[in-house]
Amino acid sequence: MVIYVVGNSTFYNVLVPVEQIYAEMLSQLGFSNVECVPLRKRNSKKELIEFDVRARWR
């Protein structure tokens, strides 16, 4: 199992869903059971959240 802790970001008021990007990369690399689990809200802006991106190698 792999677990990445990532946080989404905003640039020029555009939300970048980093957790979804990592989930898609892991899926394309052949990992299964890919899921994004929210951990906590970040202190800087209310829409920013840290996630566990989890996956299993076949």
Protein backbone atom coordinates (compact mmCIF):
# COMPACT_ATOMS: atom_id res chain seq x y z
CA MET A 1 0.00 0.00 0.00
CA VAL A 2 1.14 3.55 -0.70
CA ILE A 3 -0.13 6.65 1.05
CA TYR A 4 0.63 10.20 -0.03
CA VAL A 5 -0.37 13.15 2.11
CA VAL A 6 -1.11 16.07 -0.21
CA GLY A 7 -2.97 19.33 -0.02
CA ASN A 8 -4.97 21.01 -2.72
CA SER A 9 -3.95 24.54 -3.71
CA THR A 10 -5.29 27.70 -5.25
CA PHE A 11 -3.50 29.85 -7.80
CA TYR A 12 -5.08 33.10 -8.94
CA ASN A 13 -8.39 31.97 -7.35
CA VAL A 14 -8.39 28.66 -9.29
CA LEU A 15 -8.61 25.54 -7.13
CA VAL A 16 -6.07 22.86 -8.15
CA PRO A 17 -7.33 19.42 -7.03
CA VAL A 18 -3.92 17.90 -6.29
CA GLU A 19 -5.49 14.87 -4.59
CA GLN A 20 -7.42 13.99 -7.76
CA ILE A 21 -4.29 14.40 -9.88
CA TYR A 22 -2.37 11.98 -7.65
CA ALA A 23 -5.27 9.51 -7.63
CA GLU A 24 -5.40 9.53 -11.44
CA MET A 25 -1.62 9.06 -11.71
CA LEU A 26 -1.73 6.06 -9.36
CA SER A 27 -4.61 4.53 -11.33
CA GLN A 28 -2.74 4.95 -14.60
CA LEU A 29 0.35 3.31 -13.08
CA GLY A 30 -1.65 0.18 -12.28
CA PHE A 31 -2.55 0.71 -8.63
CA SER A 32 -6.00 -0.39 -7.46
CA ASN A 33 -8.38 0.67 -4.68
CA VAL A 34 -7.31 4.30 -5.10
CA GLU A 35 -9.09 6.63 -2.69
CA CYS A 36 -8.77 10.17 -1.36
CA VAL A 37 -9.49 10.56 2.35
CA PRO A 38 -9.74 14.11 3.75
CA LEU A 39 -7.54 14.60 6.82
CA ARG A 40 -7.98 18.19 7.92
CA LYS A 41 -8.64 21.70 6.74
CA ARG A 42 -5.57 23.83 6.30
CA ASN A 43 -5.10 27.07 8.22
CA SER A 44 -4.44 29.37 5.29
CA LYS A 45 -7.78 29.29 3.42
CA LYS A 46 -11.01 27.53 4.30
CA GLU A 47 -11.31 25.72 0.93
CA LEU A 48 -7.86 24.12 1.27
CA ILE A 49 -7.77 20.57 2.65
CA GLU A 50 -5.07 17.94 3.24
CA PHE A 51 -5.80 14.45 1.94
CA ASP A 52 -4.48 10.91 2.24
CA VAL A 53 -4.28 9.50 -1.27
CA ARG A 54 -4.19 5.73 -0.76
CA ALA A 55 -3.73 2.88 -3.22
CA ARG A 56 -2.78 -0.78 -3.35
CA TRP A 57 -0.38 -2.38 -5.74
CA ARG A 58 -2.31 -5.15 -7.45
